[in-house]
């Protein structure tokens, strides 16, 4: 087995925003950092894409048509396989109430736009590592219960 075969596949990030410019910028930054990018334009589409794609992480705007990011986050978080999924909520408002709503809906973290992409890429990588550790611990705990 060579090095390329031993490496984990590139993480898939679902970028959800009704602003095409933000989706383009996100794609450029994320792909240059080694992520695979999928897109959705509203919360309803985000829920559907989550169910069909099972992405490794989601970056989602709060304000969108059809279903907003907070509602979509809550719906995704209710899915049985979304317990450790990193969900980064993006907001243009540096507002404590909005941030609390995001956390109450199940967001892993939030970021205020405009985004500082080098920081957000590190934040996303950290959230993915933390989710993997959490899954590994849960799996090991299950092995201990059922030897």
Foldseek 3Di string as FASTA:
>chain_A
DDPVVPDDQAFEEEEEALDVVVLVVCCVLQVVVRHHYDYHHALVVVLVCCVVPVGQEYEAEQDGPPHGPLRSLLVQCPDPPCVLHAYEYEYQDPDPVVQVSNVVSPHPYYDHPPDPSVVVVVVVVVSSVVSVVVVVVVVVVVVVVPD
